[in-house]
C-alpha atoms as a PDB file:
ATOM      1  CA  UNK A   1      12.971 144.257  28.832  1.00  0.00           C
ATOM      2  CA  UNK A   2      14.032 140.129  28.746  1.00  0.00           C
ATOM      3  CA  UNK A   3      15.722 138.394  31.259  1.00  0.00           C
ATOM      4  CA  UNK A   4      19.094 138.864  30.246  1.00  0.00           C
ATOM      5  CA  UNK A   5      18.767 142.714  30.320  1.00  0.00           C
ATOM      6  CA  UNK A   6      17.400 142.584  33.845  1.00  0.00           C
ATOM      7  CA  UNK A   7      20.212 140.565  34.897  1.00  0.00           C
ATOM      8  CA  UNK A   8      22.873 142.925  32.955  1.00  0.00           C
ATOM      9  CA  UNK A   9      21.206 145.759  34.786  1.00  0.00           C
ATOM     10  CA  UNK A  10      21.137 143.939  38.081  1.00  0.00           C
ATOM     11  CA  UNK A  11      25.023 143.495  37.777  1.00  0.00           C
ATOM     12  CA  UNK A  12      25.615 146.971  36.862  1.00  0.00           C
ATOM     13  CA  UNK A  13      24.162 148.109  39.993  1.00  0.00           C
ATOM     14  CA  UNK A  14      26.254 145.274  42.066  1.00  0.00           C
ATOM     15  CA  UNK A  15      29.313 146.568  40.670  1.00  0.00           C
ATOM     16  CA  UNK A  16      27.810 150.280  41.124  1.00  0.00           C
ATOM     17  CA  UNK A  17      28.747 151.528  37.975  1.00  0.00           C
ATOM     18  CA  UNK A  18      27.114 155.105  39.006  1.00  0.00           C
ATOM     19  CA  UNK A  19      29.690 155.599  41.420  1.00  0.00           C
ATOM     20  CA  UNK A  20      32.629 156.396  39.515  1.00  0.00           C
ATOM     21  CA  UNK A  21      33.434 159.385  41.214  1.00  0.00           C
ATOM     22  CA  UNK A  22      34.539 157.391  44.431  1.00  0.00           C
ATOM     23  CA  UNK A  23      37.980 156.561  44.386  1.00  0.00           C
ATOM     24  CA  UNK A  24      39.242 154.591  47.585  1.00  0.00           C
ATOM     25  CA  UNK A  25      39.307 150.948  48.521  1.00  0.00           C
ATOM     26  CA  UNK A  26      37.433 148.605  46.482  1.00  0.00           C
ATOM     27  CA  UNK A  27      36.104 151.420  44.370  1.00  0.00           C
ATOM     28  CA  UNK A  28      39.682 152.113  42.987  1.00  0.00           C
ATOM     29  CA  UNK A  29      39.693 148.588  42.032  1.00  0.00           C
ATOM     30  CA  UNK A  30      36.307 148.637  40.374  1.00  0.00           C
ATOM     31  CA  UNK A  31      37.366 152.010  38.506  1.00  0.00           C
ATOM     32  CA  UNK A  32      40.781 150.540  37.232  1.00  0.00           C
ATOM     33  CA  UNK A  33      38.778 147.125  35.809  1.00  0.00           C
ATOM     34  CA  UNK A  34      35.497 149.234  35.214  1.00  0.00           C
ATOM     35  CA  UNK A  35      35.845 148.340  31.139  1.00  0.00           C
ATOM     36  CA  UNK A  36      36.874 144.680  31.646  1.00  0.00           C
ATOM     37  CA  UNK A  37      33.715 144.592  34.072  1.00  0.00           C
ATOM     38  CA  UNK A  38      31.414 145.895  31.407  1.00  0.00           C
ATOM     39  CA  UNK A  39      32.728 144.506  28.360  1.00  0.00           C
ATOM     40  CA  UNK A  40      31.726 140.687  30.664  1.00  0.00           C
ATOM     41  CA  UNK A  41      28.467 142.121  31.497  1.00  0.00           C
ATOM     42  CA  UNK A  42      27.296 143.442  28.318  1.00  0.00           C
ATOM     43  CA  UNK A  43      29.043 141.152  25.573  1.00  0.00           C
ATOM     44  CA  UNK A  44      30.790 138.447  27.127  1.00  0.00           C
ATOM     45  CA  UNK A  45      27.818 137.095  29.710  1.00  0.00           C
ATOM     46  CA  UNK A  46      25.283 137.113  26.551  1.00  0.00           C
ATOM     47  CA  UNK A  47      27.506 134.723  24.501  1.00  0.00           C
ATOM     48  CA  UNK A  48      28.214 132.599  27.269  1.00  0.00           C
ATOM     49  CA  UNK A  49      24.605 132.152  28.290  1.00  0.00           C
ATOM     50  CA  UNK A  50      23.401 131.386  24.920  1.00  0.00           C
ATOM     51  CA  UNK A  51      26.198 128.906  24.226  1.00  0.00           C
ATOM     52  CA  UNK A  52      25.109 127.098  27.735  1.00  0.00           C
ATOM     53  CA  UNK A  53      21.552 126.957  26.403  1.00  0.00           C
ATOM     54  CA  UNK A  54      22.392 125.970  22.865  1.00  0.00           C
ATOM     55  CA  UNK A  55      24.328 123.226  24.444  1.00  0.00           C
ATOM     56  CA  UNK A  56      21.723 122.136  26.921  1.00  0.00           C
ATOM     57  CA  UNK A  57      18.834 122.444  24.200  1.00  0.00           C
ATOM     58  CA  UNK A  58      20.739 120.274  21.775  1.00  0.00           C
ATOM     59  CA  UNK A  59      21.412 117.634  24.174  1.00  0.00           C
ATOM     60  CA  UNK A  60      17.989 117.511  25.654  1.00  0.00           C
ATOM     61  CA  UNK A  61      16.465 117.740  22.285  1.00  0.00           C
ATOM     62  CA  UNK A  62      18.541 114.564  20.944  1.00  0.00           C
ATOM     63  CA  UNK A  63      17.552 112.599  23.953  1.00  0.00           C
ATOM     64  CA  UNK A  64      13.739 113.756  23.844  1.00  0.00           C
ATOM     65  CA  UNK A  65      13.968 112.783  20.122  1.00  0.00           C
ATOM     66  CA  UNK A  66      15.252 109.293  20.736  1.00  0.00           C
ATOM     67  CA  UNK A  67      12.593 108.467  23.225  1.00  0.00           C
ATOM     68  CA  UNK A  68      10.041 109.677  21.111  1.00  0.00           C
ATOM     69  CA  UNK A  69      10.992 107.481  18.119  1.00  0.00           C
ATOM     70  CA  UNK A  70      11.172 104.421  20.545  1.00  0.00           C
ATOM     71  CA  UNK A  71       7.434 104.918  21.553  1.00  0.00           C
ATOM     72  CA  UNK A  72       6.348 105.343  18.012  1.00  0.00           C
ATOM     73  CA  UNK A  73       7.953 102.204  17.013  1.00  0.00           C
ATOM     74  CA  UNK A  74       6.117 100.669  20.043  1.00  0.00           C
ATOM     75  CA  UNK A  75       2.882 102.069  19.082  1.00  0.00           C
ATOM     76  CA  UNK A  76       3.275 100.854  15.303  1.00  0.00           C
ATOM     77  CA  UNK A  77       4.194  97.110  16.590  1.00  0.00           C
ATOM     78  CA  UNK A  78       1.263  97.323  19.047  1.00  0.00           C
ATOM     79  CA  UNK A  79      -1.424  98.973  17.458  1.00  0.00           C
ATOM     80  CA  UNK A  80      -0.260  98.990  13.572  1.00  0.00           C
ATOM     81  CA  UNK A  81       0.416 101.616  10.869  1.00  0.00           C
ATOM     82  CA  UNK A  82      -3.191 103.028  11.234  1.00  0.00           C
ATOM     83  CA  UNK A  83      -2.253 104.690  14.666  1.00  0.00           C
ATOM     84  CA  UNK A  84      -0.783 107.311  12.883  1.00  0.00           C
ATOM     85  CA  UNK A  85      -2.370 109.814  10.440  1.00  0.00           C
ATOM     86  CA  UNK A  86      -0.647 110.860   7.265  1.00  0.00           C
ATOM     87  CA  UNK A  87       0.425 113.875   8.820  1.00  0.00           C
ATOM     88  CA  UNK A  88       2.403 111.936  11.533  1.00  0.00           C
ATOM     89  CA  UNK A  89      -0.188 112.864  14.396  1.00  0.00           C
ATOM     90  CA  UNK A  90      -1.665 109.938  16.491  1.00  0.00           C
ATOM     91  CA  UNK A  91      -5.196 109.026  15.587  1.00  0.00           C
ATOM     92  CA  UNK A  92      -7.694 109.942  18.125  1.00  0.00           C
ATOM     93  CA  UNK A  93      -9.217 107.031  18.919  1.00  0.00           C
ATOM     94  CA  UNK A  94      -5.408 105.946  20.246  1.00  0.00           C
ATOM     95  CA  UNK A  95      -4.862 109.003  22.317  1.00  0.00           C
ATOM     96  CA  UNK A  96      -6.487 107.300  25.537  1.00  0.00           C
ATOM     97  CA  UNK A  97      -4.369 104.070  25.521  1.00  0.00           C
ATOM     98  CA  UNK A  98      -1.049 104.067  27.663  1.00  0.00           C
ATOM     99  CA  UNK A  99       1.101 103.958  24.704  1.00  0.00           C
ATOM    100  CA  UNK A 100      -0.687 107.035  23.122  1.00  0.00           C
ATOM    101  CA  UNK A 101      -0.495 109.119  26.236  1.00  0.00           C
ATOM    102  CA  UNK A 102       2.989 108.535  26.636  1.00  0.00           C
ATOM    103  CA  UNK A 103       3.729 109.339  23.121  1.00  0.00           C
ATOM    104  CA  UNK A 104       1.857 112.858  23.729  1.00  0.00           C
ATOM    105  CA  UNK A 105       3.836 113.319  26.712  1.00  0.00           C
ATOM    106  CA  UNK A 106       7.020 112.990  25.265  1.00  0.00           C
ATOM    107  CA  UNK A 107       5.726 115.162  21.855  1.00  0.00           C
ATOM    108  CA  UNK A 108       4.834 118.137  24.373  1.00  0.00           C
ATOM    109  CA  UNK A 109       8.288 117.739  26.122  1.00  0.00           C
ATOM    110  CA  UNK A 110      10.298 117.920  22.692  1.00  0.00           C
ATOM    111  CA  UNK A 111       7.838 121.106  21.713  1.00  0.00           C
ATOM    112  CA  UNK A 112       9.071 122.876  25.210  1.00  0.00           C
ATOM    113  CA  UNK A 113      12.521 122.003  24.631  1.00  0.00           C
ATOM    114  CA  UNK A 114      12.347 123.427  20.850  1.00  0.00           C
ATOM    115  CA  UNK A 115      11.264 126.534  22.621  1.00  0.00           C
ATOM    116  CA  UNK A 116      13.932 126.963  25.244  1.00  0.00           C
ATOM    117  CA  UNK A 117      15.081 129.877  23.783  1.00  0.00           C
ATOM    118  CA  UNK A 118      12.246 132.074  24.916  1.00  0.00           C
END
């Protein structure tokens, strides 16, 4: 069961959908709005969560990509074109330099943001 399904189950329990036979007080209101609440929990909520994460992911990814490009430029200026392999990876002999460590740190952050959906 994924996280959104767990949350949907919790919301169903909180709104006590299993007590539909009760018809007084707040239960009467919940019974009256039951279909709206179910639609929100099982359809609208997932869409809103997906939109929020997509928006967050795109902003964060853009910011990190810009940082990565700046560090790449600094490495190229400081260490030369030979600092990068033809694949775009940082050469092993430059990984222990301060710029190399910063590059690897930002690259790891970018990979984490790309996996934000998981």
